[in-house]
Amino acid sequence: MREIVRLRINGDLIETGVPPHYTLLETLRYILGLTGSKQGCDKGDCGACTVLVDGEAVLSCLLPVQEADGRSVVTVEGLANGAKPHPLQDAFDLTGAAQCGFCTPGILCSATQLLAENPTPSRTEIARALSGNLCRCTGYTKIFEAVELAAAALGSTRTPTEILAERRNVSEAG
């Protein structure tokens, strides 16, 4: 037996049948084929499954899909603007913030909410916003630097690449 849910996923209205016990994560990955959100602990401890629901970072492994019915969901696949990566995605690439990459989609979604609410967060505010996302590879420093770089880009007309190039020029000149 399946139940019909209607979701706006990354801007597209989708209506699909799902088993009544499915979570939003299971629906995204196994029904819709959006595998960017990772299935980690299935207990809400790791944050690998984080997506945005109506702009709020949520743990999709804990959210019954019926509770997302009629709501807007943005996954890591929906952050980019076509072929152009979101400044957070670009910054993560440029700073080496994504190592194995398993935690990265959830961190990107959590950081997206943070920057939407606070365009100039302090390092402490970044750490607090990402505290529900566990990473076993990076030690978080590069992640924090990437979020700071993305914040600088989003607050200007420059790309993360241009900002890094300017910083290198200043340090070489100084």
N, C-alpha and C. Protein backbone atom coordinates (compact mmCIF):
# COMPACT_ATOMS: atom_id res chain seq x y z
N MET A 1 0.83 -1.17 0.00
CA MET A 1 0.00 0.00 0.00
C MET A 1 0.89 1.25 0.00
N ARG A 2 0.54 2.21 -0.81
CA ARG A 2 1.28 3.46 -0.90
C ARG A 2 0.35 4.64 -0.66
N GLU A 3 0.95 5.70 -0.14
CA GLU A 3 0.21 6.95 0.06
C GLU A 3 0.79 7.98 -0.90
N ILE A 4 -0.05 8.87 -1.37
CA ILE A 4 0.37 9.92 -2.29
C ILE A 4 0.87 11.12 -1.47
N VAL A 5 2.06 11.62 -1.83
CA VAL A 5 2.57 12.86 -1.24
C VAL A 5 2.90 13.81 -2.38
N ARG A 6 2.72 15.07 -2.09
CA ARG A 6 3.05 16.14 -3.04
C ARG A 6 4.14 16.99 -2.41
N LEU A 7 5.25 17.07 -3.09
CA LEU A 7 6.40 17.82 -2.59
C LEU A 7 6.90 18.75 -3.68
N ARG A 8 7.39 19.90 -3.29
CA ARG A 8 8.09 20.78 -4.23
C ARG A 8 9.58 20.52 -3.95
N ILE A 9 10.20 19.72 -4.82
CA ILE A 9 11.59 19.32 -4.65
C ILE A 9 12.47 20.15 -5.58
N ASN A 10 13.36 20.93 -5.01
CA ASN A 10 14.28 21.76 -5.78
C ASN A 10 13.55 22.57 -6.86
N GLY A 11 12.35 23.05 -6.47
CA GLY A 11 11.56 23.89 -7.36
C GLY A 11 10.54 23.16 -8.21
N ASP A 12 10.64 21.85 -8.31
CA ASP A 12 9.71 21.08 -9.14
C ASP A 12 8.63 20.43 -8.28
N LEU A 13 7.38 20.58 -8.69
CA LEU A 13 6.28 19.94 -7.98
C LEU A 13 6.26 18.46 -8.36
N ILE A 14 6.32 17.61 -7.35
CA ILE A 14 6.37 16.16 -7.57
C ILE A 14 5.28 15.50 -6.75
N GLU A 15 4.55 14.62 -7.38
CA GLU A 15 3.53 13.83 -6.71
C GLU A 15 3.93 12.38 -6.90
N THR A 16 4.01 11.65 -5.81
CA THR A 16 4.47 10.26 -5.91
C THR A 16 3.85 9.42 -4.81
N GLY A 17 3.81 8.13 -5.04
CA GLY A 17 3.33 7.19 -4.04
C GLY A 17 4.49 6.66 -3.22
N VAL A 18 4.28 6.62 -1.92
CA VAL A 18 5.34 6.14 -1.01
C VAL A 18 4.75 5.18 0.02
N PRO A 19 5.55 4.23 0.47
CA PRO A 19 5.09 3.40 1.58
C PRO A 19 4.82 4.29 2.80
N PRO A 20 3.79 4.00 3.57
CA PRO A 20 3.40 4.88 4.66
C PRO A 20 4.46 5.05 5.75
N HIS A 21 5.40 4.12 5.85
CA HIS A 21 6.43 4.21 6.89
C HIS A 21 7.69 4.97 6.43
N TYR A 22 7.73 5.43 5.20
CA TYR A 22 8.94 6.07 4.65
C TYR A 22 9.20 7.44 5.27
N THR A 23 10.48 7.71 5.43
CA THR A 23 10.92 9.04 5.84
C THR A 23 11.14 9.88 4.59
N LEU A 24 11.35 11.17 4.80
CA LEU A 24 11.67 12.03 3.67
C LEU A 24 12.96 11.55 3.00
N LEU A 25 13.95 11.15 3.79
CA LEU A 25 15.21 10.67 3.23
C LEU A 25 14.99 9.46 2.32
N GLU A 26 14.24 8.50 2.78
CA GLU A 26 13.98 7.31 1.97
C GLU A 26 13.25 7.68 0.68
N THR A 27 12.33 8.61 0.77
CA THR A 27 11.60 9.06 -0.42
C THR A 27 12.55 9.73 -1.41
N LEU A 28 13.40 10.61 -0.90
CA LEU A 28 14.34 11.31 -1.77
C LEU A 28 15.28 10.32 -2.46
N ARG A 29 15.87 9.43 -1.69
CA ARG A 29 16.89 8.53 -2.23
C ARG A 29 16.31 7.37 -3.05
N TYR A 30 15.29 6.70 -2.50
CA TYR A 30 14.87 5.43 -3.08
C TYR A 30 13.65 5.53 -4.00
N ILE A 31 12.89 6.59 -3.88
CA ILE A 31 11.75 6.78 -4.78
C ILE A 31 12.13 7.76 -5.88
N LEU A 32 12.76 8.89 -5.48
CA LEU A 32 13.04 9.96 -6.44
C LEU A 32 14.45 9.93 -7.01
N GLY A 33 15.33 9.09 -6.48
CA GLY A 33 16.69 8.96 -7.02
C GLY A 33 17.60 10.13 -6.72
N LEU A 34 17.26 10.95 -5.74
CA LEU A 34 18.11 12.07 -5.32
C LEU A 34 19.03 11.58 -4.21
N THR A 35 20.19 11.11 -4.58
CA THR A 35 21.08 10.43 -3.64
C THR A 35 22.12 11.34 -3.00
N GLY A 36 22.00 12.65 -3.22
CA GLY A 36 22.94 13.58 -2.59
C GLY A 36 22.85 13.53 -1.07
N SER A 37 21.65 13.51 -0.54
CA SER A 37 21.46 13.40 0.91
C SER A 37 21.84 11.99 1.31
N LYS A 38 22.70 11.88 2.29
CA LYS A 38 23.24 10.57 2.65
C LYS A 38 22.48 9.91 3.78
N GLN A 39 22.41 8.60 3.73
CA GLN A 39 21.82 7.81 4.80
C GLN A 39 22.95 7.37 5.71
N GLY A 40 23.06 8.04 6.85
CA GLY A 40 24.15 7.76 7.77
C GLY A 40 23.68 6.93 8.95
N CYS A 41 23.35 7.60 10.04
CA CYS A 41 23.04 6.90 11.28
C CYS A 41 21.58 6.48 11.42
N ASP A 42 20.68 7.10 10.68
CA ASP A 42 19.24 6.85 10.79
C ASP A 42 18.68 7.16 12.18
N LYS A 43 19.41 7.96 12.97
CA LYS A 43 18.97 8.33 14.32
C LYS A 43 19.00 9.83 14.55
N GLY A 44 19.40 10.61 13.54
CA GLY A 44 19.47 12.05 13.71
C GLY A 44 20.73 12.53 14.40
N ASP A 45 21.74 11.68 14.48
CA ASP A 45 22.97 12.05 15.18
C ASP A 45 24.05 12.63 14.27
N CYS A 46 24.07 12.28 12.98
CA CYS A 46 25.22 12.62 12.15
C CYS A 46 25.00 13.81 11.22
N GLY A 47 23.77 14.11 10.83
CA GLY A 47 23.48 15.24 9.97
C GLY A 47 23.73 15.02 8.49
N ALA A 48 24.14 13.84 8.10
CA ALA A 48 24.44 13.58 6.69
C ALA A 48 23.20 13.68 5.81
N CYS A 49 22.03 13.55 6.40
CA CYS A 49 20.77 13.56 5.65
C CYS A 49 20.10 14.94 5.63
N THR A 50 20.77 15.95 6.15
CA THR A 50 20.15 17.28 6.27
C THR A 50 19.74 17.84 4.91
N VAL A 51 18.51 18.31 4.84
CA VAL A 51 17.96 19.02 3.69
C VAL A 51 17.24 20.25 4.22
N LEU A 52 16.81 21.12 3.31
CA LEU A 52 16.04 22.29 3.72
C LEU A 52 14.57 22.04 3.44
N VAL A 53 13.74 22.21 4.44
CA VAL A 53 12.29 22.11 4.27
C VAL A 53 11.72 23.48 4.62
N ASP A 54 11.13 24.11 3.64
CA ASP A 54 10.65 25.49 3.78
C ASP A 54 11.76 26.39 4.34
N GLY A 55 13.00 26.17 3.87
CA GLY A 55 14.13 26.99 4.25
C GLY A 55 14.81 26.62 5.55
N GLU A 56 14.29 25.64 6.25
CA GLU A 56 14.85 25.23 7.53
C GLU A 56 15.59 23.90 7.38
N ALA A 57 16.81 23.85 7.92
CA ALA A 57 17.59 22.60 7.88
C ALA A 57 16.93 21.57 8.79
N VAL A 58 16.61 20.41 8.20
CA VAL A 58 15.99 19.33 8.97
C VAL A 58 16.71 18.02 8.67
N LEU A 59 16.61 17.12 9.61
CA LEU A 59 17.17 15.78 9.46
C LEU A 59 16.13 14.93 8.75
N SER A 60 16.37 14.66 7.48
CA SER A 60 15.36 13.97 6.68
C SER A 60 15.20 12.50 7.07
N CYS A 61 16.14 11.94 7.81
CA CYS A 61 16.01 10.55 8.25
C CYS A 61 14.98 10.41 9.37
N LEU A 62 14.66 11.53 10.03
CA LEU A 62 13.70 11.48 11.13
C LEU A 62 12.32 12.00 10.75
N LEU A 63 12.22 12.65 9.60
CA LEU A 63 10.96 13.29 9.21
C LEU A 63 10.10 12.33 8.39
N PRO A 64 8.95 11.90 8.93
CA PRO A 64 8.06 11.10 8.10
C PRO A 64 7.69 11.89 6.86
N VAL A 65 7.71 11.27 5.71
CA VAL A 65 7.48 11.99 4.46
C VAL A 65 6.12 12.67 4.45
N GLN A 66 5.13 12.12 5.13
CA GLN A 66 3.82 12.75 5.16
C GLN A 66 3.88 14.14 5.80
N GLU A 67 4.83 14.36 6.70
CA GLU A 67 4.97 15.68 7.33
C GLU A 67 5.58 16.70 6.38
N ALA A 68 6.16 16.24 5.30
CA ALA A 68 6.70 17.15 4.28
C ALA A 68 5.70 17.39 3.15
N ASP A 69 4.58 16.70 3.18
CA ASP A 69 3.56 16.83 2.13
C ASP A 69 3.16 18.29 1.97
N GLY A 70 3.22 18.78 0.74
CA GLY A 70 2.84 20.15 0.44
C GLY A 70 3.91 21.19 0.73
N ARG A 71 5.07 20.76 1.16
CA ARG A 71 6.13 21.69 1.54
C ARG A 71 7.22 21.74 0.48
N SER A 72 8.06 22.75 0.60
CA SER A 72 9.19 22.93 -0.31
C SER A 72 10.43 22.28 0.29
N VAL A 73 11.08 21.42 -0.49
CA VAL A 73 12.29 20.72 -0.05
C VAL A 73 13.43 21.07 -1.00
N VAL A 74 14.55 21.47 -0.43
CA VAL A 74 15.75 21.71 -1.23
C VAL A 74 16.81 20.75 -0.74
N THR A 75 17.33 19.98 -1.69
CA THR A 75 18.42 19.05 -1.40
C THR A 75 19.72 19.65 -1.93
N VAL A 76 20.82 19.00 -1.69
CA VAL A 76 22.10 19.50 -2.19
C VAL A 76 22.08 19.63 -3.71
N GLU A 77 21.31 18.77 -4.37
CA GLU A 77 21.21 18.85 -5.83
C GLU A 77 20.55 20.15 -6.29
N GLY A 78 19.75 20.76 -5.42
CA GLY A 78 19.03 21.97 -5.76
C GLY A 78 19.74 23.26 -5.39
N LEU A 79 20.92 23.18 -4.80
CA LEU A 79 21.63 24.40 -4.41
C LEU A 79 22.23 25.13 -5.60
N ALA A 80 22.71 24.40 -6.56
CA ALA A 80 23.35 25.01 -7.73
C ALA A 80 22.32 25.74 -8.58
N ASN A 81 22.80 26.68 -9.36
CA ASN A 81 21.95 27.40 -10.31
C ASN A 81 22.28 26.84 -11.69
N GLY A 82 21.58 25.79 -12.09
CA GLY A 82 21.91 25.10 -13.33
C GLY A 82 23.28 24.46 -13.21
N ALA A 83 24.16 24.78 -14.14
CA ALA A 83 25.52 24.22 -14.12
C ALA A 83 26.46 25.03 -13.22
N LYS A 84 25.98 26.18 -12.72
CA LYS A 84 26.82 27.04 -11.88
C LYS A 84 26.64 26.65 -10.41
N PRO A 85 27.72 26.24 -9.76
CA PRO A 85 27.59 25.82 -8.36
C PRO A 85 27.21 26.99 -7.46
N HIS A 86 26.55 26.67 -6.38
CA HIS A 86 26.26 27.66 -5.33
C HIS A 86 27.60 28.13 -4.77
N PRO A 87 27.72 29.37 -4.33
CA PRO A 87 28.99 29.82 -3.74
C PRO A 87 29.51 28.93 -2.61
N LEU A 88 28.61 28.32 -1.85
CA LEU A 88 29.07 27.38 -0.81
C LEU A 88 29.75 26.17 -1.45
N GLN A 89 29.14 25.63 -2.50
CA GLN A 89 29.73 24.47 -3.17
C GLN A 89 31.10 24.84 -3.75
N ASP A 90 31.17 26.02 -4.35
CA ASP A 90 32.42 26.50 -4.93
C ASP A 90 33.48 26.67 -3.84
N ALA A 91 33.09 27.28 -2.73
CA ALA A 91 34.03 27.52 -1.62
C ALA A 91 34.52 26.21 -1.01
N PHE A 92 33.64 25.22 -0.89
CA PHE A 92 34.05 23.93 -0.35
C PHE A 92 35.10 23.29 -1.26
N ASP A 93 34.89 23.41 -2.55
CA ASP A 93 35.85 22.87 -3.51
C ASP A 93 37.19 23.59 -3.41
N LEU A 94 37.16 24.90 -3.39
CA LEU A 94 38.39 25.70 -3.41
C LEU A 94 39.22 25.57 -2.13
N THR A 95 38.57 25.36 -1.00
CA THR A 95 39.29 25.28 0.27
C THR A 95 39.63 23.86 0.69
N GLY A 96 39.16 22.88 -0.05
CA GLY A 96 39.40 21.48 0.35
C GLY A 96 38.56 21.07 1.55
N ALA A 97 37.41 21.71 1.72
CA ALA A 97 36.56 21.42 2.87
C ALA A 97 35.86 20.08 2.77
N ALA A 98 35.72 19.56 1.57
CA ALA A 98 35.08 18.26 1.39
C ALA A 98 36.17 17.23 1.13
N GLN A 99 36.34 16.31 2.05
CA GLN A 99 37.36 15.30 1.83
C GLN A 99 36.70 14.03 1.30
N CYS A 100 36.18 13.18 2.15
CA CYS A 100 35.51 12.00 1.59
C CYS A 100 34.18 12.40 0.98
N GLY A 101 33.57 13.48 1.46
CA GLY A 101 32.36 14.02 0.89
C GLY A 101 31.06 13.47 1.45
N PHE A 102 31.10 12.49 2.32
CA PHE A 102 29.87 11.88 2.82
C PHE A 102 29.03 12.89 3.61
N CYS A 103 29.68 13.70 4.43
CA CYS A 103 28.96 14.66 5.27
C CYS A 103 28.63 15.95 4.53
N THR A 104 29.29 16.20 3.42
CA THR A 104 29.23 17.49 2.74
C THR A 104 27.82 17.92 2.35
N PRO A 105 26.97 17.08 1.78
CA PRO A 105 25.63 17.56 1.41
C PRO A 105 24.85 18.11 2.60
N GLY A 106 24.90 17.43 3.72
CA GLY A 106 24.20 17.90 4.91
C GLY A 106 24.78 19.20 5.44
N ILE A 107 26.10 19.31 5.43
CA ILE A 107 26.74 20.53 5.89
C ILE A 107 26.39 21.70 4.97
N LEU A 108 26.39 21.45 3.67
CA LEU A 108 26.03 22.51 2.73
C LEU A 108 24.61 23.01 2.97
N CYS A 109 23.68 22.11 3.25
CA CYS A 109 22.30 22.53 3.51
C CYS A 109 22.21 23.30 4.83
N SER A 110 22.88 22.84 5.86
CA SER A 110 22.87 23.57 7.14
C SER A 110 23.50 24.95 6.97
N ALA A 111 24.60 25.03 6.24
CA ALA A 111 25.27 26.31 6.02
C ALA A 111 24.42 27.23 5.16
N THR A 112 23.64 26.68 4.25
CA THR A 112 22.75 27.50 3.43
C THR A 112 21.72 28.20 4.30
N GLN A 113 21.13 27.47 5.25
CA GLN A 113 20.18 28.10 6.16
C GLN A 113 20.87 29.18 6.98
N LEU A 114 22.05 28.88 7.50
CA LEU A 114 22.78 29.86 8.30
C LEU A 114 22.99 31.15 7.52
N LEU A 115 23.52 31.05 6.31
CA LEU A 115 23.83 32.25 5.53
C LEU A 115 22.59 32.99 5.06
N ALA A 116 21.47 32.28 4.93
CA ALA A 116 20.21 32.95 4.60
C ALA A 116 19.72 33.80 5.78
N GLU A 117 19.97 33.31 6.98
CA GLU A 117 19.52 34.01 8.19
C GLU A 117 20.55 35.00 8.72
N ASN A 118 21.83 34.71 8.47
CA ASN A 118 22.91 35.54 9.01
C ASN A 118 24.01 35.61 7.95
N PRO A 119 24.00 36.65 7.12
CA PRO A 119 24.95 36.72 6.00
C PRO A 119 26.41 36.94 6.42
N THR A 120 26.65 37.33 7.67
CA THR A 120 28.03 37.55 8.13
C THR A 120 28.26 36.85 9.48
N PRO A 121 28.18 35.55 9.50
CA PRO A 121 28.31 34.84 10.78
C PRO A 121 29.76 34.83 11.29
N SER A 122 29.88 34.83 12.60
CA SER A 122 31.19 34.66 13.22
C SER A 122 31.57 33.19 13.17
N ARG A 123 32.81 32.89 13.47
CA ARG A 123 33.26 31.50 13.49
C ARG A 123 32.45 30.71 14.52
N THR A 124 32.15 31.33 15.65
CA THR A 124 31.35 30.67 16.69
C THR A 124 29.95 30.37 16.19
N GLU A 125 29.35 31.31 15.47
CA GLU A 125 28.00 31.10 14.92
C GLU A 125 28.01 30.01 13.86
N ILE A 126 29.06 29.94 13.07
CA ILE A 126 29.18 28.87 12.08
C ILE A 126 29.28 27.52 12.79
N ALA A 127 30.13 27.46 13.80
CA ALA A 127 30.30 26.21 14.55
C ALA A 127 28.98 25.77 15.17
N ARG A 128 28.23 26.71 15.72
CA ARG A 128 26.94 26.38 16.34
C ARG A 128 25.95 25.87 15.29
N ALA A 129 25.90 26.54 14.13
CA ALA A 129 24.96 26.15 13.08
C ALA A 129 25.27 24.78 12.51
N LEU A 130 26.54 24.41 12.50
CA LEU A 130 26.95 23.13 11.94
C LEU A 130 27.16 22.04 13.01
N SER A 131 26.80 22.34 14.24
CA SER A 131 27.06 21.41 15.34
C SER A 131 26.32 20.08 15.20
N GLY A 132 25.27 20.04 14.41
CA GLY A 132 24.54 18.79 14.19
C GLY A 132 25.06 17.97 13.03
N ASN A 133 26.13 18.46 12.39
CA ASN A 133 26.71 17.77 11.23
C ASN A 133 28.09 17.25 11.61
N LEU A 134 28.23 15.95 11.61
CA LEU A 134 29.51 15.34 11.98
C LEU A 134 30.37 15.08 10.75
N CYS A 135 31.66 15.38 10.88
CA CYS A 135 32.65 15.10 9.84
C CYS A 135 33.80 14.37 10.50
N ARG A 136 34.20 13.27 9.92
CA ARG A 136 35.30 12.49 10.49
C ARG A 136 36.62 12.73 9.77
N CYS A 137 36.61 13.57 8.72
CA CYS A 137 37.82 13.73 7.90
C CYS A 137 38.54 15.05 8.08
N THR A 138 37.81 16.16 8.19
CA THR A 138 38.44 17.47 8.01
C THR A 138 38.93 18.15 9.28
N GLY A 139 38.35 17.86 10.42
CA GLY A 139 38.70 18.62 11.60
C GLY A 139 37.98 19.96 11.65
N TYR A 140 37.10 20.24 10.71
CA TYR A 140 36.20 21.39 10.64
C TYR A 140 36.84 22.72 10.24
N THR A 141 38.13 22.92 10.41
CA THR A 141 38.74 24.21 10.09
C THR A 141 38.48 24.60 8.65
N LYS A 142 38.72 23.70 7.72
CA LYS A 142 38.49 24.01 6.30
C LYS A 142 37.00 24.23 6.01
N ILE A 143 36.14 23.54 6.72
CA ILE A 143 34.70 23.74 6.56
C ILE A 143 34.33 25.16 7.00
N PHE A 144 34.82 25.58 8.15
CA PHE A 144 34.54 26.93 8.63
C PHE A 144 35.09 27.98 7.66
N GLU A 145 36.29 27.74 7.15
CA GLU A 145 36.88 28.67 6.17
C GLU A 145 36.04 28.74 4.90
N ALA A 146 35.50 27.60 4.47
CA ALA A 146 34.66 27.59 3.27
C ALA A 146 33.38 28.37 3.49
N VAL A 147 32.76 28.23 4.65
CA VAL A 147 31.53 28.97 4.94
C VAL A 147 31.84 30.47 5.00
N GLU A 148 32.96 30.83 5.60
CA GLU A 148 33.36 32.25 5.65
C GLU A 148 33.61 32.79 4.24
N LEU A 149 34.25 32.02 3.40
CA LEU A 149 34.52 32.43 2.02
C LEU A 149 33.21 32.59 1.24
N ALA A 150 32.29 31.66 1.41
CA ALA A 150 30.99 31.75 0.74
C ALA A 150 30.22 32.97 1.23
N ALA A 151 30.29 33.24 2.53
CA ALA A 151 29.61 34.43 3.07
C ALA A 151 30.17 35.69 2.44
N ALA A 152 31.49 35.76 2.28
CA ALA A 152 32.11 36.92 1.65
C ALA A 152 31.65 37.06 0.20
N ALA A 153 31.56 35.95 -0.50
CA ALA A 153 31.12 35.99 -1.90
C ALA A 153 29.66 36.38 -2.02
N LEU A 154 28.82 35.83 -1.17
CA LEU A 154 27.40 36.14 -1.22
C LEU A 154 27.13 37.59 -0.85
N GLY A 155 28.02 38.19 -0.06
CA GLY A 155 27.87 39.57 0.34
C GLY A 155 28.52 40.56 -0.61
N SER A 156 28.97 40.07 -1.75
CA SER A 156 29.64 40.93 -2.73
C SER A 156 29.25 40.49 -4.14
N THR A 157 29.90 41.06 -5.10
CA THR A 157 29.67 40.65 -6.49
C THR A 157 30.77 39.72 -6.98
N ARG A 158 31.65 39.33 -6.07
CA ARG A 158 32.78 38.48 -6.44
C ARG A 158 32.48 37.01 -6.17
N THR A 159 33.17 36.17 -6.91
CA THR A 159 33.05 34.73 -6.69
C THR A 159 34.06 34.30 -5.64
N PRO A 160 33.90 33.13 -5.05
CA PRO A 160 34.91 32.64 -4.12
C PRO A 160 36.31 32.58 -4.76
N THR A 161 36.39 32.22 -6.04
CA THR A 161 37.69 32.17 -6.73
C THR A 161 38.32 33.56 -6.77
N GLU A 162 37.53 34.57 -7.09
CA GLU A 162 38.06 35.94 -7.16
C GLU A 162 38.52 36.43 -5.78
N ILE A 163 37.76 36.10 -4.75
CA ILE A 163 38.13 36.51 -3.39
C ILE A 163 39.45 35.86 -2.98
N LEU A 164 39.59 34.57 -3.25
CA LEU A 164 40.85 33.88 -2.91
C LEU A 164 42.03 34.47 -3.68
N ALA A 165 41.82 34.80 -4.95
CA ALA A 165 42.89 35.39 -5.76
C ALA A 165 43.30 36.74 -5.18
N GLU A 166 42.33 37.55 -4.78
CA GLU A 166 42.63 38.85 -4.16
C GLU A 166 43.41 38.67 -2.87
N ARG A 167 43.01 37.70 -2.06
CA ARG A 167 43.71 37.44 -0.79
C ARG A 167 45.15 37.01 -1.05
N ARG A 168 45.37 36.17 -2.05
CA ARG A 168 46.73 35.74 -2.39
C ARG A 168 47.57 36.93 -2.84
N ASN A 169 46.99 37.78 -3.68
CA ASN A 169 47.71 38.97 -4.17
C ASN A 169 48.10 39.89 -3.04
N VAL A 170 47.21 40.08 -2.09
CA VAL A 170 47.48 40.95 -0.94
C VAL A 170 48.59 40.35 -0.09
N SER A 171 48.53 39.04 0.16
CA SER A 171 49.55 38.41 1.00
C SER A 171 50.92 38.38 0.31
N GLU A 172 50.93 38.22 -1.01
CA GLU A 172 52.19 38.23 -1.75
C GLU A 172 52.79 39.63 -1.81
N ALA A 173 51.92 40.64 -1.86
CA ALA A 173 52.39 42.02 -1.92
C ALA A 173 52.87 42.53 -0.56
N GLY A 174 52.30 41.94 0.50
CA GLY A 174 52.57 42.42 1.85
C GLY A 174 53.76 41.80 2.44
